[in-house]
Amino acid sequence: MLLDTASLYFRAYYGVPDSVRAPDGTPVNAVRGLLDFIARLVQDHHPDDLVACMDADWRPQWRVDLIPSYKAHRVAQETAAGPDVEETPDTLAPQVPVIEQVLDAVGIARVGVAGYEADDVIGTLAGQSTGPVDIVTGDRDLYQLVDDAREARVLYPVKGVGNLQITDEAALREKYGVDGRGYVDLALLRGDPSDGLPGVPGIGEKTAARLLETFGDLAGIMAAVLNPASKLTPSQRKKLYEARPYLAVAPQVVRVASDVPLPPFDPALPSEPRHPAALDELAARWGLGGSLQRLLSALQTPGC
């Protein structure tokens, strides 16, 4: 099980009231919400291994170099040495180090690599896996990793993690008309304002899906642009032709990396805390209470 950790703690932050606070009054709603999420995932799905994948760089420069607008609207402060500071709610940012400390004390693997997003870590781990992979994320970008042959699927939280939309190739085809591999082409054609990806003006999701159904993939579509006999409408041909500079680089930006140089780590779920004394101190300082106990109970359950 691979967790898109930032996606989940953002959801926890907005889903758990900020009245959930530590003894000193500091909000810990994202911390406790994430612990409850992980407890429920372990309890319901019994993964052998679980990795909390982290954004060591939420806006890698190599993606920005290709498409300067990539996540530009989410930059709170530019940093010369990088990475830039992401716009984050004032009461969430201080909770992220606490989340990291708690995961480390529990013994849950936490992996982030400089210059890469959590999506890239997930893509690399999914590609290396020899068994079934469940990717837990609220980010549809990771639909590109869905692969029935490799038993890779996405568990998309609809409401918390007790109600997960299980996304396999059949679900993708039903909703988008593409499989996991085709989702990259669909996403870059339609664009994604939340990531600063412009897409092809005038080509929405339904049109993109129809083009992919007709021509197979982006390469097939661009070959059709240059073929006067193809079944593109004059308007579609013009839009796609004018978008060639964007379409030449967008696949490298939208496609998650599969070759991230990962550090050594142990993905096995612990049955006991790795650093119990440190965990006790964190629990007392931040008032983790029932959320931490539920996670520890789930980890101690046979088969989890």
Protein backbone atom coordinates (compact mmCIF):
# COMPACT_ATOMS: atom_id res chain seq x y z
CA MET A 1 0.00 0.00 0.00
CA LEU A 2 1.43 3.34 -1.11
CA LEU A 3 0.10 6.51 0.52
CA ASP A 4 0.06 9.88 -1.21
CA THR A 5 0.66 11.33 2.23
CA ALA A 6 0.19 15.04 1.52
CA SER A 7 -3.08 14.34 -0.30
CA LEU A 8 -4.32 12.45 2.77
CA TYR A 9 -3.23 14.94 5.41
CA PHE A 10 -4.77 17.80 3.44
CA ARG A 11 -8.03 15.83 3.44
CA ALA A 12 -7.67 15.14 7.14
CA TYR A 13 -7.03 18.82 7.82
CA TYR A 14 -10.22 19.88 6.06
CA GLY A 15 -12.25 16.92 7.30
CA VAL A 16 -11.42 17.06 11.01
CA PRO A 17 -12.42 20.21 12.98
CA ASP A 18 -9.54 22.46 14.06
CA SER A 19 -11.02 22.30 17.55
CA VAL A 20 -9.01 19.05 17.81
CA ARG A 21 -5.97 20.45 19.60
CA ALA A 22 -2.92 19.53 21.62
CA PRO A 23 -2.78 20.30 25.36
CA ASP A 24 -1.08 23.64 24.56
CA GLY A 25 -3.90 24.61 22.19
CA THR A 26 -2.06 23.88 18.92
CA PRO A 27 -4.34 22.36 16.26
CA VAL A 28 -3.53 18.71 15.54
CA ASN A 29 -6.52 17.88 13.36
CA ALA A 30 -4.36 16.86 10.37
CA VAL A 31 -2.11 14.71 12.56
CA ARG A 32 -4.92 12.86 14.26
CA GLY A 33 -6.98 12.63 11.11
CA LEU A 34 -4.09 11.05 9.19
CA LEU A 35 -3.46 8.54 11.98
CA ASP A 36 -7.12 7.57 11.88
CA PHE A 37 -6.93 7.26 8.09
CA ILE A 38 -3.95 4.91 8.29
CA ALA A 39 -5.56 2.87 11.07
CA ARG A 40 -8.68 2.38 8.97
CA LEU A 41 -6.67 1.46 5.87
CA VAL A 42 -4.66 -1.13 7.77
CA GLN A 43 -7.78 -2.50 9.45
CA ASP A 44 -9.79 -2.77 6.22
CA HIS A 45 -7.12 -3.81 3.70
CA HIS A 46 -4.43 -5.65 5.71
CA PRO A 47 -1.40 -4.61 3.63
CA ASP A 48 1.85 -6.47 4.21
CA ASP A 49 3.86 -3.36 3.39
CA LEU A 50 2.92 0.30 3.66
CA VAL A 51 4.92 3.33 2.56
CA ALA A 52 4.05 6.93 3.35
CA CYS A 53 5.31 8.68 0.20
CA MET A 54 6.30 12.30 0.73
CA ASP A 55 6.75 15.44 -1.38
CA ALA A 56 10.44 16.24 -0.90
CA ASP A 57 9.86 18.74 -3.70
CA TRP A 58 6.24 19.53 -4.52
CA ARG A 59 7.21 21.56 -7.64
CA PRO A 60 10.39 20.09 -9.14
CA GLN A 61 12.44 22.52 -11.19
CA TRP A 62 12.76 20.05 -14.06
CA ARG A 63 8.98 20.17 -14.51
CA VAL A 64 8.90 23.97 -14.18
CA ASP A 65 11.64 24.27 -16.82
CA LEU A 66 9.36 22.45 -19.27
CA ILE A 67 6.09 24.19 -18.32
CA PRO A 68 6.73 27.38 -16.26
CA SER A 69 3.08 27.60 -15.18
CA TYR A 70 3.31 24.23 -13.43
CA LYS A 71 1.78 24.79 -9.96
CA ALA A 72 2.88 28.44 -10.16
CA HIS A 73 -0.37 29.69 -8.61
CA ARG A 74 0.36 27.67 -5.46
CA VAL A 75 3.74 29.26 -4.72
CA ALA A 76 3.67 31.21 -1.47
CA GLN A 77 7.36 32.12 -1.51
CA GLU A 78 10.10 31.57 -4.07
CA THR A 79 13.33 30.05 -2.78
CA ALA A 80 16.54 30.53 -4.74
CA ALA A 81 17.95 27.15 -3.75
CA GLY A 82 14.52 25.49 -4.05
CA PRO A 83 12.09 24.03 -3.46
CA ASP A 84 9.68 26.97 -3.37
CA VAL A 85 7.34 27.24 -0.39
CA GLU A 86 3.85 25.97 -1.17
CA GLU A 87 0.81 27.95 -0.09
CA THR A 88 -0.44 26.01 2.92
CA PRO A 89 -2.97 26.93 5.61
CA ASP A 90 -1.24 28.56 8.58
CA THR A 91 -2.40 25.88 11.00
CA LEU A 92 -1.50 22.95 8.72
CA ALA A 93 2.16 23.72 7.98
CA PRO A 94 3.30 23.27 11.63
CA GLN A 95 1.57 19.89 11.76
CA VAL A 96 3.62 18.35 8.94
CA PRO A 97 6.82 17.90 11.01
CA VAL A 98 4.72 16.34 13.76
CA ILE A 99 3.24 13.88 11.26
CA GLU A 100 6.75 12.96 10.12
CA GLN A 101 7.99 12.47 13.68
CA VAL A 102 5.02 10.29 14.63
CA LEU A 103 5.31 8.09 11.54
CA ASP A 104 9.03 7.62 12.23
CA ALA A 105 8.43 6.75 15.89
CA VAL A 106 5.71 4.25 14.97
CA GLY A 107 8.02 2.70 12.37
CA ILE A 108 5.95 3.33 9.25
CA ALA A 109 8.25 3.78 6.26
CA ARG A 110 8.37 7.39 5.07
CA VAL A 111 10.05 8.01 1.73
CA GLY A 112 10.72 11.28 -0.07
CA VAL A 113 13.52 12.07 -2.51
CA ALA A 114 14.99 15.50 -3.27
CA GLY A 115 13.88 16.81 -6.64
CA TYR A 116 10.80 14.59 -6.84
CA GLU A 117 7.16 14.63 -5.83
CA ALA A 118 5.43 11.90 -3.86
CA ASP A 119 3.75 10.88 -7.14
CA ASP A 120 7.18 10.03 -8.56
CA VAL A 121 8.10 7.96 -5.52
CA ILE A 122 4.78 6.14 -5.86
CA GLY A 123 5.34 5.55 -9.57
CA THR A 124 8.79 4.11 -8.95
CA LEU A 125 7.65 1.85 -6.11
CA ALA A 126 4.62 0.66 -8.07
CA GLY A 127 6.85 -0.20 -11.02
CA GLN A 128 9.25 -2.15 -8.82
CA SER A 129 6.57 -4.11 -6.98
CA THR A 130 6.22 -7.82 -7.65
CA GLY A 131 2.81 -8.08 -6.04
CA PRO A 132 -0.53 -6.25 -5.90
CA VAL A 133 -0.32 -2.51 -5.20
CA ASP A 134 -2.97 -0.28 -3.69
CA ILE A 135 -2.29 3.45 -4.17
CA VAL A 136 -4.27 5.62 -1.77
CA THR A 137 -4.65 9.15 -3.09
CA GLY A 138 -7.11 11.95 -3.65
CA ASP A 139 -5.15 12.98 -6.76
CA ARG A 140 -6.54 11.66 -10.04
CA ASP A 141 -3.14 12.13 -11.70
CA LEU A 142 -2.16 8.76 -10.26
CA TYR A 143 -4.85 7.00 -12.29
CA GLN A 144 -2.08 6.66 -14.87
CA LEU A 145 -0.57 3.91 -12.68
CA VAL A 146 -3.68 1.71 -12.80
CA ASP A 147 -2.67 -1.56 -14.44
CA ASP A 148 -4.75 -4.73 -14.13
CA ALA A 149 -1.91 -6.94 -15.38
CA ARG A 150 0.32 -5.70 -12.54
CA GLU A 151 -2.60 -5.65 -10.06
CA ALA A 152 -2.08 -1.95 -9.45
CA ARG A 153 -5.18 0.05 -8.55
CA VAL A 154 -6.03 3.39 -6.98
CA LEU A 155 -8.13 3.71 -3.83
CA TYR A 156 -9.66 7.18 -4.09
CA PRO A 157 -11.24 8.56 -0.89
CA VAL A 158 -14.81 9.65 -1.52
CA LYS A 159 -15.47 10.51 2.11
CA GLY A 160 -12.61 9.80 4.46
CA VAL A 161 -11.00 6.42 3.83
CA GLY A 162 -13.96 4.38 4.99
CA ASN A 163 -15.59 5.04 1.62
CA LEU A 164 -13.02 4.39 -1.09
CA GLN A 165 -13.63 4.36 -4.82
CA ILE A 166 -11.67 1.38 -6.11
CA THR A 167 -10.31 2.37 -9.50
CA ASP A 168 -9.15 -0.36 -11.85
CA GLU A 169 -8.99 -0.37 -15.66
CA ALA A 170 -12.70 -1.15 -16.01
CA ALA A 171 -13.59 1.85 -13.84
CA LEU A 172 -11.27 4.11 -15.85
CA ARG A 173 -12.71 2.98 -19.17
CA GLU A 174 -16.25 3.48 -17.91
CA LYS A 175 -15.61 7.01 -16.67
CA TYR A 176 -12.92 8.31 -19.04
CA GLY A 177 -12.79 5.90 -21.97
CA VAL A 178 -9.09 5.17 -21.42
CA ASP A 179 -6.91 2.77 -19.45
CA GLY A 180 -4.16 3.78 -17.04
CA ARG A 181 -1.58 4.29 -19.78
CA GLY A 182 -4.00 6.44 -21.78
CA TYR A 183 -4.84 8.63 -18.80
CA VAL A 184 -1.61 10.66 -19.23
CA ASP A 185 -2.61 11.66 -22.76
CA LEU A 186 -6.16 12.47 -21.66
CA ALA A 187 -4.91 14.60 -18.77
CA LEU A 188 -2.43 16.64 -20.78
CA LEU A 189 -4.91 17.26 -23.61
CA ARG A 190 -7.68 18.54 -21.34
CA GLY A 191 -5.29 20.31 -18.95
CA ASP A 192 -5.55 20.71 -15.20
CA PRO A 193 -5.94 24.22 -13.73
CA SER A 194 -5.15 22.92 -10.23
CA ASP A 195 -1.65 22.01 -11.45
CA GLY A 196 -1.21 24.96 -13.80
CA LEU A 197 -1.37 22.75 -16.90
CA PRO A 198 -3.06 24.69 -19.72
CA GLY A 199 -4.06 21.75 -21.90
CA VAL A 200 -5.10 22.35 -25.49
CA PRO A 201 -7.53 25.31 -25.64
CA GLY A 202 -10.93 24.12 -26.81
CA ILE A 203 -10.18 20.42 -26.19
CA GLY A 204 -12.09 19.27 -23.14
CA GLU A 205 -12.22 15.87 -21.49
CA LYS A 206 -14.90 14.37 -23.74
CA THR A 207 -13.25 15.56 -26.94
CA ALA A 208 -9.88 14.31 -25.71
CA ALA A 209 -11.39 10.88 -24.97
CA ARG A 210 -12.95 10.71 -28.44
CA LEU A 211 -9.66 11.66 -30.09
CA LEU A 212 -7.83 8.97 -28.15
CA GLU A 213 -10.47 6.40 -29.03
CA THR A 214 -10.10 7.29 -32.72
CA PHE A 215 -6.33 7.70 -32.99
CA GLY A 216 -5.03 5.54 -30.11
CA ASP A 217 -2.64 7.86 -28.31
CA LEU A 218 -1.07 11.30 -28.45
CA ALA A 219 1.40 10.23 -31.13
CA GLY A 220 -1.49 8.98 -33.25
CA ILE A 221 -3.38 12.24 -32.77
CA MET A 222 -0.37 14.34 -33.77
CA ALA A 223 0.21 12.16 -36.84
CA ALA A 224 -3.42 12.80 -37.76
CA VAL A 225 -2.84 16.57 -37.39
CA LEU A 226 -0.27 16.36 -40.19
CA ASN A 227 -2.40 14.05 -42.34
CA PRO A 228 -4.92 16.03 -44.41
CA ALA A 229 -6.95 12.86 -44.97
CA SER A 230 -7.49 12.17 -41.25
CA LYS A 231 -10.88 12.54 -39.61
CA LEU A 232 -10.02 15.59 -37.54
CA THR A 233 -12.28 18.58 -37.93
CA PRO A 234 -10.61 21.75 -39.22
CA SER A 235 -11.07 23.33 -35.80
CA GLN A 236 -9.49 20.40 -33.96
CA ARG A 237 -6.60 20.27 -36.41
CA LYS A 238 -5.90 23.99 -35.92
CA LYS A 239 -6.07 23.80 -32.11
CA LEU A 240 -3.79 20.80 -31.90
CA TYR A 241 -1.31 22.19 -34.43
CA GLU A 242 -1.01 25.45 -32.52
CA ALA A 243 -0.51 23.54 -29.27
CA ARG A 244 2.47 21.57 -30.58
CA PRO A 245 5.08 23.30 -28.35
CA TYR A 246 3.03 22.45 -25.25
CA LEU A 247 2.26 18.90 -26.40
CA ALA A 248 5.95 18.25 -27.07
CA VAL A 249 6.88 18.71 -23.40
CA ALA A 250 3.65 17.99 -21.49
CA PRO A 251 4.08 14.18 -21.39
CA GLN A 252 7.33 14.57 -19.45
CA VAL A 253 5.58 16.81 -16.93
CA VAL A 254 2.35 14.84 -16.50
CA ARG A 255 3.86 11.34 -16.51
CA VAL A 256 5.17 10.32 -13.08
CA ALA A 257 8.80 9.32 -12.88
CA SER A 258 9.56 5.61 -12.68
CA ASP A 259 13.29 5.83 -11.95
CA VAL A 260 13.56 7.81 -8.71
CA PRO A 261 16.76 6.89 -6.80
CA LEU A 262 15.14 5.59 -3.64
CA PRO A 263 17.01 5.40 -0.32
CA PRO A 264 17.14 2.12 1.61
CA PHE A 265 14.04 1.58 3.76
CA ASP A 266 11.94 -1.18 5.29
CA PRO A 267 8.35 -1.09 4.00
CA ALA A 268 7.06 -3.82 6.34
CA LEU A 269 4.30 -2.73 8.69
CA PRO A 270 5.51 -2.81 12.29
CA SER A 271 3.52 -4.68 14.92
CA GLU A 272 5.07 -2.60 17.71
CA PRO A 273 6.34 1.00 17.75
CA ARG A 274 9.93 1.33 16.57
CA HIS A 275 10.72 4.04 19.11
CA PRO A 276 8.21 3.62 21.96
CA ALA A 277 9.74 6.20 24.31
CA ALA A 278 9.79 8.87 21.59
CA LEU A 279 6.24 7.96 20.62
CA ASP A 280 5.05 8.30 24.22
CA GLU A 281 6.58 11.77 24.38
CA LEU A 282 4.93 12.79 21.09
CA ALA A 283 1.58 11.38 22.21
CA ALA A 284 1.69 13.35 25.46
CA ARG A 285 2.94 16.59 23.93
CA TRP A 286 0.46 16.64 21.06
CA GLY A 287 -2.48 14.90 22.69
CA LEU A 288 -2.72 12.14 20.10
CA GLY A 289 -5.02 10.08 22.32
CA GLY A 290 -7.43 7.70 20.67
CA SER A 291 -6.12 8.30 17.15
CA LEU A 292 -2.71 6.89 17.97
CA GLN A 293 -4.18 4.05 20.01
CA ARG A 294 -6.44 3.05 17.12
CA LEU A 295 -3.44 2.92 14.80
CA LEU A 296 -1.37 0.86 17.24
CA SER A 297 -4.30 -1.52 17.77
CA ALA A 298 -4.71 -1.97 14.03
CA LEU A 299 -0.99 -2.74 13.66
CA GLN A 300 -1.16 -5.33 16.44
CA THR A 301 -4.11 -7.17 14.90
CA PRO A 302 -3.05 -10.53 13.42
CA GLY A 303 -2.95 -10.39 9.63
CA CYS A 304 -2.33 -6.62 9.50
